Amino acid sequence: MKKVLIFSAPSGAGKSTIVNHLLGLFPQLEFSVSATSRAPRGDEQDGREYYFLSAEEFARRVDAGDFLEWEEVYKGSRYGTLRSELDRIWSKGNVATFDIDVKGGLNIKRLLGDKAMSVFIMPPSVEELRRRLEKRGTDTGEAIDKRVAKAESEISFAQYYDKVIVNDSLDKALAEAEEAVGTFIGIS
C-alpha cells in the first residue's frame, strides 16, 4: 500500500483531536513518530511523542541521509521524519499518518506525490483560534501572540494542500476527515 496521510494546522485548530479520532477509527492507520532535537516536556516519552535526539545526533543523522525531511521549526529545535519510521510502518502494511508542521507536510507531499494525501485543518477564524488557545490555559499571553502570528503564516500554505477542512464544527470536521481518509485508503 505504501501510503501516507499528512495533517497540518495551526496550533489550536483541532488537528490532534481529528488525527486521534481517525487513528481510533481506521486500524490500518499508524501514527508516524517524528524525531526532534528538543528535550522532552512533561511526561513525553522517547518513541511515543517523538524520538528525542541530541542536537549532535540529529545533525549526524541528517548528514547520513537518515531523514526523509527535516526543518528547524523553532530556533534551535529541529524536527524531522526518519526514513526508518516510514519503513517500519509500511512493513506492516499500514498507512503512515503525520501530525506535522506545514513545511514538513508540504515537503513529504512533494517527495511522495500520489502516495500521500495532505489535509490542512483550518480554524474558522484567527480570532476563534486565539479564543481556543486562551481557553486551553497552557500558554502565556506572549506565547499565544506568537502562536497566532505563526498561524497567520501557516494558513497561507493551506492552498497547497490536497484537502482543506474548516473546523467550525467538530462533528462536521470529523465526518469530512473520515470520508477523505476512507476514499484515499480505499475503504469508502
N, C-alpha and C. Protein backbone atom coordinates (compact mmCIF):
# COMPACT_ATOMS: atom_id res chain seq x y z
N MET A 1 0.83 -1.19 0.00
CA MET A 1 0.00 0.00 0.00
C MET A 1 0.87 1.25 0.00
N LYS A 2 1.86 1.34 0.90
CA LYS A 2 2.82 2.44 0.98
C LYS A 2 2.18 3.81 0.76
N LYS A 3 1.20 4.13 1.60
CA LYS A 3 0.54 5.43 1.53
C LYS A 3 0.83 6.23 2.79
N VAL A 4 0.62 7.54 2.66
CA VAL A 4 0.90 8.46 3.75
C VAL A 4 -0.23 9.48 3.85
N LEU A 5 -0.66 9.76 5.07
CA LEU A 5 -1.62 10.83 5.35
C LEU A 5 -0.88 11.93 6.10
N ILE A 6 -1.06 13.15 5.64
CA ILE A 6 -0.38 14.30 6.23
C ILE A 6 -1.44 15.26 6.75
N PHE A 7 -1.38 15.58 8.04
CA PHE A 7 -2.29 16.55 8.64
C PHE A 7 -1.47 17.70 9.20
N SER A 8 -1.82 18.91 8.76
CA SER A 8 -1.16 20.12 9.27
C SER A 8 -2.24 21.12 9.65
N ALA A 9 -1.88 22.01 10.58
CA ALA A 9 -2.82 23.03 11.04
C ALA A 9 -2.09 23.95 12.00
N PRO A 10 -2.61 25.15 12.17
CA PRO A 10 -2.08 26.00 13.25
C PRO A 10 -2.43 25.38 14.61
N SER A 11 -1.63 25.69 15.61
CA SER A 11 -1.89 25.24 16.97
C SER A 11 -3.28 25.72 17.40
N GLY A 12 -4.10 24.80 17.90
CA GLY A 12 -5.44 25.15 18.38
C GLY A 12 -6.55 24.94 17.37
N ALA A 13 -6.21 24.48 16.16
CA ALA A 13 -7.23 24.28 15.12
C ALA A 13 -7.99 22.96 15.28
N GLY A 14 -7.48 22.04 16.10
CA GLY A 14 -8.16 20.77 16.31
C GLY A 14 -7.53 19.60 15.58
N LYS A 15 -6.36 19.79 15.05
CA LYS A 15 -5.69 18.75 14.26
C LYS A 15 -5.46 17.47 15.06
N SER A 16 -4.91 17.58 16.25
CA SER A 16 -4.61 16.39 17.05
C SER A 16 -5.88 15.64 17.42
N THR A 17 -6.94 16.36 17.72
CA THR A 17 -8.23 15.72 18.02
C THR A 17 -8.72 14.92 16.82
N ILE A 18 -8.62 15.50 15.64
CA ILE A 18 -9.08 14.83 14.42
C ILE A 18 -8.19 13.63 14.10
N VAL A 19 -6.87 13.81 14.18
CA VAL A 19 -5.95 12.71 13.89
C VAL A 19 -6.17 11.55 14.87
N ASN A 20 -6.31 11.85 16.15
CA ASN A 20 -6.53 10.79 17.14
C ASN A 20 -7.83 10.05 16.88
N HIS A 21 -8.87 10.77 16.47
CA HIS A 21 -10.15 10.14 16.13
C HIS A 21 -9.97 9.17 14.96
N LEU A 22 -9.26 9.61 13.93
CA LEU A 22 -9.04 8.77 12.74
C LEU A 22 -8.20 7.55 13.08
N LEU A 23 -7.19 7.72 13.91
CA LEU A 23 -6.34 6.59 14.32
C LEU A 23 -7.16 5.53 15.06
N GLY A 24 -8.15 5.97 15.83
CA GLY A 24 -9.02 5.03 16.54
C GLY A 24 -10.05 4.37 15.64
N LEU A 25 -10.39 5.02 14.55
CA LEU A 25 -11.44 4.53 13.64
C LEU A 25 -10.90 3.59 12.57
N PHE A 26 -9.74 3.89 12.04
CA PHE A 26 -9.16 3.10 10.94
C PHE A 26 -7.93 2.34 11.46
N PRO A 27 -8.04 1.02 11.65
CA PRO A 27 -6.92 0.25 12.21
C PRO A 27 -5.67 0.23 11.32
N GLN A 28 -5.82 0.50 10.03
CA GLN A 28 -4.67 0.47 9.14
C GLN A 28 -3.83 1.76 9.19
N LEU A 29 -4.31 2.76 9.93
CA LEU A 29 -3.53 3.99 10.10
C LEU A 29 -2.59 3.81 11.28
N GLU A 30 -1.36 4.30 11.13
CA GLU A 30 -0.41 4.25 12.23
C GLU A 30 0.30 5.59 12.32
N PHE A 31 0.35 6.13 13.51
CA PHE A 31 0.97 7.43 13.74
C PHE A 31 2.46 7.34 13.47
N SER A 32 2.96 8.27 12.68
CA SER A 32 4.40 8.35 12.40
C SER A 32 5.03 9.26 13.43
N VAL A 33 5.94 8.72 14.21
CA VAL A 33 6.60 9.47 15.27
C VAL A 33 7.77 10.24 14.66
N SER A 34 7.74 11.55 14.84
CA SER A 34 8.81 12.41 14.33
C SER A 34 9.99 12.40 15.29
N ALA A 35 11.14 12.81 14.77
CA ALA A 35 12.32 13.00 15.61
C ALA A 35 12.46 14.49 15.90
N THR A 36 13.04 14.81 17.04
CA THR A 36 13.29 16.22 17.39
C THR A 36 14.59 16.34 18.17
N SER A 37 15.17 17.53 18.06
CA SER A 37 16.39 17.81 18.83
C SER A 37 16.07 18.52 20.15
N ARG A 38 14.79 18.79 20.40
CA ARG A 38 14.45 19.45 21.67
C ARG A 38 14.31 18.40 22.78
N ALA A 39 14.36 18.87 24.00
CA ALA A 39 14.22 17.99 25.17
C ALA A 39 12.76 17.61 25.37
N PRO A 40 12.51 16.44 25.99
CA PRO A 40 11.12 16.06 26.29
C PRO A 40 10.48 17.06 27.25
N ARG A 41 9.15 17.23 27.11
CA ARG A 41 8.37 18.09 28.01
C ARG A 41 7.40 17.23 28.79
N GLY A 42 7.18 17.59 30.04
CA GLY A 42 6.18 16.90 30.86
C GLY A 42 6.42 15.41 30.89
N ASP A 43 5.39 14.63 30.54
CA ASP A 43 5.50 13.17 30.59
C ASP A 43 5.78 12.56 29.21
N GLU A 44 6.30 13.35 28.27
CA GLU A 44 6.63 12.83 26.94
C GLU A 44 7.67 11.72 27.06
N GLN A 45 7.50 10.71 26.21
CA GLN A 45 8.42 9.57 26.24
C GLN A 45 9.03 9.37 24.86
N ASP A 46 10.31 9.01 24.87
CA ASP A 46 11.02 8.72 23.63
C ASP A 46 10.33 7.57 22.91
N GLY A 47 10.05 7.77 21.63
CA GLY A 47 9.41 6.74 20.82
C GLY A 47 7.89 6.80 20.84
N ARG A 48 7.31 7.60 21.73
CA ARG A 48 5.85 7.75 21.77
C ARG A 48 5.45 9.07 21.13
N GLU A 49 5.83 10.20 21.75
CA GLU A 49 5.51 11.50 21.16
C GLU A 49 6.53 11.87 20.08
N TYR A 50 7.79 11.63 20.38
CA TYR A 50 8.91 11.92 19.48
C TYR A 50 10.03 10.94 19.74
N TYR A 51 10.97 10.87 18.79
CA TYR A 51 12.27 10.28 19.04
C TYR A 51 13.15 11.47 19.43
N PHE A 52 13.59 11.50 20.68
CA PHE A 52 14.37 12.62 21.17
C PHE A 52 15.85 12.37 20.90
N LEU A 53 16.44 13.22 20.08
CA LEU A 53 17.85 13.09 19.71
C LEU A 53 18.59 14.34 20.18
N SER A 54 19.85 14.16 20.56
CA SER A 54 20.65 15.34 20.88
C SER A 54 20.86 16.13 19.59
N ALA A 55 21.22 17.39 19.73
CA ALA A 55 21.49 18.22 18.55
C ALA A 55 22.58 17.59 17.69
N GLU A 56 23.58 17.01 18.33
CA GLU A 56 24.69 16.38 17.60
C GLU A 56 24.21 15.14 16.85
N GLU A 57 23.42 14.30 17.52
CA GLU A 57 22.89 13.08 16.88
C GLU A 57 21.97 13.44 15.73
N PHE A 58 21.12 14.45 15.91
CA PHE A 58 20.23 14.89 14.85
C PHE A 58 21.05 15.31 13.63
N ALA A 59 22.07 16.14 13.86
CA ALA A 59 22.93 16.62 12.76
C ALA A 59 23.65 15.46 12.08
N ARG A 60 24.15 14.51 12.86
CA ARG A 60 24.84 13.34 12.30
C ARG A 60 23.90 12.56 11.39
N ARG A 61 22.65 12.38 11.84
CA ARG A 61 21.68 11.59 11.06
C ARG A 61 21.21 12.35 9.82
N VAL A 62 21.17 13.68 9.90
CA VAL A 62 20.88 14.49 8.69
C VAL A 62 21.98 14.23 7.67
N ASP A 63 23.24 14.33 8.12
CA ASP A 63 24.39 14.13 7.22
C ASP A 63 24.42 12.72 6.64
N ALA A 64 23.93 11.75 7.39
CA ALA A 64 23.91 10.35 6.93
C ALA A 64 22.75 10.07 5.97
N GLY A 65 21.85 11.05 5.80
CA GLY A 65 20.71 10.85 4.89
C GLY A 65 19.58 10.03 5.50
N ASP A 66 19.54 9.98 6.85
CA ASP A 66 18.52 9.18 7.53
C ASP A 66 17.13 9.81 7.52
N PHE A 67 17.05 11.11 7.18
CA PHE A 67 15.77 11.81 7.23
C PHE A 67 15.14 11.93 5.84
N LEU A 68 13.83 11.68 5.78
CA LEU A 68 13.06 11.96 4.57
C LEU A 68 12.98 13.47 4.40
N GLU A 69 12.70 14.15 5.52
CA GLU A 69 12.64 15.61 5.55
C GLU A 69 12.91 16.07 6.96
N TRP A 70 13.36 17.32 7.08
CA TRP A 70 13.55 17.91 8.41
C TRP A 70 13.53 19.43 8.27
N GLU A 71 13.21 20.09 9.37
CA GLU A 71 13.15 21.56 9.41
C GLU A 71 13.60 22.02 10.79
N GLU A 72 14.15 23.22 10.84
CA GLU A 72 14.34 23.88 12.12
C GLU A 72 13.08 24.71 12.33
N VAL A 73 12.10 24.13 13.02
CA VAL A 73 10.78 24.73 13.16
C VAL A 73 10.83 25.93 14.09
N TYR A 74 11.53 25.78 15.19
CA TYR A 74 11.76 26.88 16.12
C TYR A 74 13.26 27.00 16.29
N LYS A 75 13.75 28.20 16.57
CA LYS A 75 15.19 28.43 16.70
C LYS A 75 15.81 27.41 17.65
N GLY A 76 16.76 26.63 17.13
CA GLY A 76 17.46 25.64 17.95
C GLY A 76 16.74 24.31 18.09
N SER A 77 15.53 24.19 17.55
CA SER A 77 14.77 22.92 17.66
C SER A 77 14.46 22.39 16.27
N ARG A 78 15.08 21.28 15.95
CA ARG A 78 14.85 20.63 14.66
C ARG A 78 13.83 19.52 14.83
N TYR A 79 13.03 19.33 13.79
CA TYR A 79 12.04 18.25 13.75
C TYR A 79 12.17 17.59 12.39
N GLY A 80 11.96 16.28 12.33
CA GLY A 80 12.05 15.61 11.04
C GLY A 80 11.45 14.22 11.05
N THR A 81 11.38 13.65 9.85
CA THR A 81 10.82 12.32 9.64
C THR A 81 11.94 11.37 9.25
N LEU A 82 12.17 10.38 10.09
CA LEU A 82 13.19 9.37 9.79
C LEU A 82 12.66 8.40 8.74
N ARG A 83 13.48 8.09 7.75
CA ARG A 83 13.10 7.11 6.72
C ARG A 83 12.76 5.76 7.37
N SER A 84 13.47 5.42 8.44
CA SER A 84 13.24 4.15 9.13
C SER A 84 11.84 4.06 9.73
N GLU A 85 11.26 5.22 10.10
CA GLU A 85 9.90 5.23 10.65
C GLU A 85 8.90 4.86 9.56
N LEU A 86 9.06 5.40 8.37
CA LEU A 86 8.19 5.02 7.25
C LEU A 86 8.34 3.54 6.94
N ASP A 87 9.58 3.06 6.86
CA ASP A 87 9.82 1.64 6.57
C ASP A 87 9.16 0.75 7.62
N ARG A 88 9.25 1.15 8.89
CA ARG A 88 8.65 0.38 9.99
C ARG A 88 7.13 0.25 9.80
N ILE A 89 6.49 1.36 9.49
CA ILE A 89 5.03 1.38 9.33
C ILE A 89 4.61 0.64 8.07
N TRP A 90 5.29 0.91 6.96
CA TRP A 90 4.95 0.27 5.70
C TRP A 90 5.20 -1.23 5.73
N SER A 91 6.20 -1.68 6.50
CA SER A 91 6.50 -3.12 6.57
C SER A 91 5.32 -3.91 7.16
N LYS A 92 4.47 -3.22 7.91
CA LYS A 92 3.27 -3.86 8.49
C LYS A 92 2.05 -3.69 7.58
N GLY A 93 2.23 -3.01 6.45
CA GLY A 93 1.12 -2.77 5.54
C GLY A 93 0.23 -1.62 5.99
N ASN A 94 0.72 -0.80 6.90
CA ASN A 94 -0.08 0.31 7.43
C ASN A 94 0.17 1.61 6.67
N VAL A 95 -0.71 2.57 6.90
CA VAL A 95 -0.62 3.90 6.30
C VAL A 95 0.00 4.83 7.33
N ALA A 96 1.16 5.41 6.99
CA ALA A 96 1.84 6.34 7.90
C ALA A 96 1.00 7.61 8.00
N THR A 97 0.73 8.03 9.24
CA THR A 97 -0.14 9.19 9.47
C THR A 97 0.65 10.24 10.24
N PHE A 98 0.74 11.43 9.64
CA PHE A 98 1.54 12.51 10.19
C PHE A 98 0.68 13.63 10.75
N ASP A 99 1.08 14.14 11.90
CA ASP A 99 0.57 15.36 12.52
C ASP A 99 1.80 16.26 12.53
N ILE A 100 1.90 17.16 11.52
CA ILE A 100 3.18 17.78 11.23
C ILE A 100 3.01 19.25 10.82
N ASP A 101 4.08 20.04 10.97
CA ASP A 101 4.03 21.45 10.58
C ASP A 101 3.88 21.57 9.06
N VAL A 102 3.47 22.75 8.60
CA VAL A 102 3.15 22.93 7.17
C VAL A 102 4.36 22.70 6.26
N LYS A 103 5.52 23.18 6.64
CA LYS A 103 6.68 23.00 5.76
C LYS A 103 7.04 21.52 5.64
N GLY A 104 7.05 20.81 6.76
CA GLY A 104 7.34 19.38 6.73
C GLY A 104 6.29 18.63 5.93
N GLY A 105 5.03 19.00 6.14
CA GLY A 105 3.94 18.35 5.41
C GLY A 105 4.06 18.53 3.91
N LEU A 106 4.35 19.76 3.48
CA LEU A 106 4.49 20.01 2.05
C LEU A 106 5.73 19.33 1.47
N ASN A 107 6.79 19.23 2.26
CA ASN A 107 7.99 18.52 1.80
C ASN A 107 7.69 17.04 1.58
N ILE A 108 6.96 16.42 2.51
CA ILE A 108 6.61 15.00 2.36
C ILE A 108 5.73 14.81 1.14
N LYS A 109 4.74 15.67 0.95
CA LYS A 109 3.85 15.59 -0.22
C LYS A 109 4.66 15.71 -1.51
N ARG A 110 5.58 16.65 -1.55
CA ARG A 110 6.40 16.85 -2.75
C ARG A 110 7.23 15.60 -3.04
N LEU A 111 7.79 14.99 -1.99
CA LEU A 111 8.64 13.81 -2.17
C LEU A 111 7.85 12.55 -2.53
N LEU A 112 6.65 12.40 -1.98
CA LEU A 112 5.90 11.15 -2.16
C LEU A 112 4.75 11.25 -3.17
N GLY A 113 4.40 12.46 -3.59
CA GLY A 113 3.40 12.64 -4.64
C GLY A 113 2.07 11.95 -4.35
N ASP A 114 1.61 11.12 -5.28
CA ASP A 114 0.30 10.47 -5.16
C ASP A 114 0.21 9.43 -4.04
N LYS A 115 1.34 9.04 -3.47
CA LYS A 115 1.32 8.13 -2.32
C LYS A 115 0.83 8.84 -1.06
N ALA A 116 0.79 10.18 -1.14
CA ALA A 116 0.45 10.98 0.03
C ALA A 116 -0.81 11.81 -0.23
N MET A 117 -1.64 11.94 0.81
CA MET A 117 -2.76 12.88 0.78
C MET A 117 -2.50 13.88 1.91
N SER A 118 -2.50 15.15 1.55
CA SER A 118 -2.26 16.20 2.54
C SER A 118 -3.58 16.89 2.89
N VAL A 119 -3.80 17.07 4.20
CA VAL A 119 -5.03 17.68 4.71
C VAL A 119 -4.64 18.82 5.65
N PHE A 120 -5.21 19.99 5.38
CA PHE A 120 -4.98 21.15 6.24
C PHE A 120 -6.24 21.38 7.06
N ILE A 121 -6.10 21.42 8.38
CA ILE A 121 -7.23 21.70 9.27
C ILE A 121 -7.21 23.21 9.53
N MET A 122 -8.26 23.87 9.08
CA MET A 122 -8.35 25.33 9.13
C MET A 122 -9.25 25.75 10.30
N PRO A 123 -8.78 26.69 11.11
CA PRO A 123 -9.68 27.24 12.15
C PRO A 123 -10.73 28.11 11.46
N PRO A 124 -11.90 28.29 12.09
CA PRO A 124 -12.94 29.12 11.48
C PRO A 124 -12.46 30.56 11.25
N SER A 125 -11.60 31.05 12.15
CA SER A 125 -11.04 32.40 12.02
C SER A 125 -9.83 32.50 12.96
N VAL A 126 -9.02 33.49 12.74
CA VAL A 126 -7.86 33.71 13.62
C VAL A 126 -8.35 34.12 15.01
N GLU A 127 -9.46 34.87 15.08
CA GLU A 127 -10.00 35.27 16.38
C GLU A 127 -10.46 34.05 17.18
N GLU A 128 -11.11 33.10 16.50
CA GLU A 128 -11.55 31.87 17.18
C GLU A 128 -10.35 31.05 17.63
N LEU A 129 -9.32 31.02 16.82
CA LEU A 129 -8.10 30.30 17.18
C LEU A 129 -7.51 30.89 18.46
N ARG A 130 -7.43 32.21 18.53
CA ARG A 130 -6.92 32.88 19.74
C ARG A 130 -7.78 32.50 20.95
N ARG A 131 -9.10 32.51 20.78
CA ARG A 131 -10.01 32.16 21.88
C ARG A 131 -9.74 30.73 22.36
N ARG A 132 -9.56 29.79 21.42
CA ARG A 132 -9.29 28.39 21.78
C ARG A 132 -7.98 28.26 22.54
N LEU A 133 -6.96 28.96 22.07
CA LEU A 133 -5.66 28.89 22.75
C LEU A 133 -5.74 29.48 24.16
N GLU A 134 -6.48 30.57 24.31
CA GLU A 134 -6.65 31.17 25.64
C GLU A 134 -7.42 30.23 26.56
N LYS A 135 -8.44 29.56 26.00
CA LYS A 135 -9.28 28.64 26.78
C LYS A 135 -8.47 27.44 27.29
N ARG A 136 -7.48 27.00 26.51
CA ARG A 136 -6.62 25.89 26.92
C ARG A 136 -5.94 26.18 28.25
N GLY A 137 -5.52 27.44 28.41
CA GLY A 137 -4.85 27.84 29.64
C GLY A 137 -3.44 27.28 29.80
N THR A 138 -2.80 26.88 28.70
CA THR A 138 -1.47 26.29 28.81
C THR A 138 -0.35 27.24 28.40
N ASP A 139 -0.70 28.39 27.81
CA ASP A 139 0.31 29.31 27.30
C ASP A 139 0.15 30.69 27.92
N THR A 140 1.25 31.43 27.99
CA THR A 140 1.21 32.83 28.42
C THR A 140 0.61 33.68 27.29
N GLY A 141 0.25 34.89 27.61
CA GLY A 141 -0.28 35.81 26.59
C GLY A 141 0.72 36.03 25.47
N GLU A 142 2.00 36.14 25.84
CA GLU A 142 3.06 36.32 24.83
C GLU A 142 3.17 35.09 23.93
N ALA A 143 3.09 33.90 24.51
CA ALA A 143 3.17 32.67 23.72
C ALA A 143 1.97 32.55 22.78
N ILE A 144 0.81 32.96 23.26
CA ILE A 144 -0.39 32.92 22.42
C ILE A 144 -0.23 33.89 21.25
N ASP A 145 0.30 35.09 21.52
CA ASP A 145 0.54 36.06 20.44
C ASP A 145 1.46 35.46 19.38
N LYS A 146 2.52 34.76 19.81
CA LYS A 146 3.46 34.12 18.87
C LYS A 146 2.76 33.02 18.07
N ARG A 147 1.94 32.21 18.75
CA ARG A 147 1.23 31.13 18.05
C ARG A 147 0.25 31.69 17.03
N VAL A 148 -0.43 32.77 17.38
CA VAL A 148 -1.40 33.38 16.45
C VAL A 148 -0.66 33.97 15.24
N ALA A 149 0.47 34.63 15.48
CA ALA A 149 1.26 35.18 14.36
C ALA A 149 1.74 34.05 13.45
N LYS A 150 2.19 32.96 14.05
CA LYS A 150 2.65 31.80 13.27
C LYS A 150 1.46 31.20 12.50
N ALA A 151 0.29 31.16 13.13
CA ALA A 151 -0.91 30.60 12.49
C ALA A 151 -1.26 31.38 11.23
N GLU A 152 -1.15 32.68 11.30
CA GLU A 152 -1.47 33.51 10.13
C GLU A 152 -0.56 33.15 8.96
N SER A 153 0.69 32.89 9.25
CA SER A 153 1.63 32.47 8.20
C SER A 153 1.28 31.07 7.70
N GLU A 154 1.01 30.14 8.62
CA GLU A 154 0.69 28.75 8.24
C GLU A 154 -0.56 28.68 7.37
N ILE A 155 -1.55 29.48 7.68
CA ILE A 155 -2.81 29.47 6.91
C ILE A 155 -2.55 29.80 5.44
N SER A 156 -1.54 30.59 5.17
CA SER A 156 -1.24 30.95 3.77
C SER A 156 -0.79 29.74 2.95
N PHE A 157 -0.39 28.65 3.61
CA PHE A 157 0.04 27.43 2.91
C PHE A 157 -1.12 26.47 2.62
N ALA A 158 -2.28 26.73 3.19
CA ALA A 158 -3.42 25.80 3.04
C ALA A 158 -3.75 25.52 1.58
N GLN A 159 -3.58 26.52 0.73
CA GLN A 159 -3.92 26.37 -0.69
C GLN A 159 -3.10 25.28 -1.38
N TYR A 160 -1.98 24.88 -0.81
CA TYR A 160 -1.13 23.86 -1.43
C TYR A 160 -1.46 22.44 -0.96
N TYR A 161 -2.43 22.32 -0.07
CA TYR A 161 -2.83 21.01 0.45
C TYR A 161 -3.92 20.40 -0.43
N ASP A 162 -3.99 19.06 -0.45
CA ASP A 162 -4.99 18.36 -1.27
C ASP A 162 -6.41 18.66 -0.79
N LYS A 163 -6.57 18.77 0.54
CA LYS A 163 -7.89 18.99 1.11
C LYS A 163 -7.77 19.96 2.28
N VAL A 164 -8.72 20.88 2.36
CA VAL A 164 -8.80 21.81 3.49
C VAL A 164 -10.12 21.55 4.20
N ILE A 165 -10.03 21.30 5.50
CA ILE A 165 -11.22 21.08 6.31
C ILE A 165 -11.31 22.21 7.33
N VAL A 166 -12.39 22.97 7.27
CA VAL A 166 -12.60 24.05 8.23
C VAL A 166 -13.25 23.45 9.48
N ASN A 167 -12.56 23.60 10.60
CA ASN A 167 -13.07 23.03 11.86
C ASN A 167 -13.89 24.08 12.61
N ASP A 168 -15.09 24.36 12.06
CA ASP A 168 -16.00 25.25 12.78
C ASP A 168 -17.02 24.45 13.57
N SER A 169 -17.17 23.17 13.21
CA SER A 169 -17.99 22.21 13.95
C SER A 169 -17.20 20.91 13.98
N LEU A 170 -16.84 20.44 15.18
CA LEU A 170 -16.00 19.25 15.28
C LEU A 170 -16.66 18.05 14.61
N ASP A 171 -17.96 17.85 14.82
CA ASP A 171 -18.65 16.70 14.20
C ASP A 171 -18.55 16.75 12.68
N LYS A 172 -18.76 17.93 12.11
CA LYS A 172 -18.68 18.09 10.66
C LYS A 172 -17.25 17.87 10.17
N ALA A 173 -16.28 18.40 10.89
CA ALA A 173 -14.87 18.23 10.51
C ALA A 173 -14.46 16.76 10.58
N LEU A 174 -14.91 16.06 11.62
CA LEU A 174 -14.60 14.63 11.75
C LEU A 174 -15.21 13.84 10.59
N ALA A 175 -16.45 14.15 10.23
CA ALA A 175 -17.12 13.45 9.13
C ALA A 175 -16.38 13.69 7.81
N GLU A 176 -15.96 14.92 7.57
CA GLU A 176 -15.21 15.24 6.34
C GLU A 176 -13.88 14.49 6.31
N ALA A 177 -13.21 14.46 7.44
CA ALA A 177 -11.92 13.77 7.51
C ALA A 177 -12.10 12.27 7.30
N GLU A 178 -13.13 11.69 7.92
CA GLU A 178 -13.41 10.26 7.75
C GLU A 178 -13.65 9.92 6.29
N GLU A 179 -14.45 10.73 5.61
CA GLU A 179 -14.75 10.49 4.20
C GLU A 179 -13.50 10.60 3.34
N ALA A 180 -12.70 11.62 3.54
CA ALA A 180 -11.48 11.82 2.75
C ALA A 180 -10.49 10.67 2.96
N VAL A 181 -10.30 10.28 4.20
CA VAL A 181 -9.35 9.21 4.51
C VAL A 181 -9.86 7.88 3.96
N GLY A 182 -11.15 7.60 4.17
CA GLY A 182 -11.72 6.35 3.66
C GLY A 182 -11.54 6.22 2.16
N THR A 183 -11.78 7.31 1.44
CA THR A 183 -11.60 7.30 -0.02
C THR A 183 -10.13 7.09 -0.38
N PHE A 184 -9.23 7.78 0.29
CA PHE A 184 -7.81 7.70 -0.02
C PHE A 184 -7.25 6.29 0.22
N ILE A 185 -7.66 5.65 1.31
CA ILE A 185 -7.10 4.33 1.60
C ILE A 185 -7.95 3.20 1.00
N GLY A 186 -9.03 3.58 0.29
CA GLY A 186 -9.79 2.58 -0.45
C GLY A 186 -10.84 1.84 0.33
N ILE A 187 -11.44 2.50 1.34
CA ILE A 187 -12.46 1.84 2.15
C ILE A 187 -13.86 2.30 1.76
N SER A 188 -14.01 3.57 1.35
CA SER A 188 -15.37 4.04 1.02
C SER A 188 -15.54 4.29 -0.45
